[in-house]
Amino acid sequence: PIEPASAVGDSVGSGSGSGSGCVAGDEECELNDAIAMFNAWIEKANFPVQKIKAERVPGMRIGTIATEEIQPEEVYLSVPPEVVMNVDSARASAPLNEFVGAVSRSRDGAFFILLMHLLHER
């Protein structure tokens, strides 16, 4: 089994994005912020199975750690379809209707639809 990891540091989530207290250009603070925001988004999305989280990993930058014991072959992450961005979610996005209609018949239409969806939602 994979045992839950203890926190790698108290700094994760110490800031909260722009306006968090991070000094402009403070990459460590901004990275900690990004990790905290990502984990908060995952929590809010209410994944059916969530046994890992993003965290600073010494010598690596960002990694995932177990938040509870995980047995071999056990599901440790289950992503709900409603948070997945794909061609179908792009087609359901009203602001992209005209673009989707214009490129959907091209050979690379799915690629461009997903690309525009990612750019639009960022």
Foldseek 3Di string as FASTA:
>chain_A
DAAFDDAPDPLQCCAAPVVRPDDVPPVVNNLSNVQVVVQVVVVVQPWVAAQKGWHQDPPPGIDITGNHDDDPPGDRGHHDPVVDQALVVLCVDVVCVVVLVVQVPPPCSRVVSSVVVVVVVD
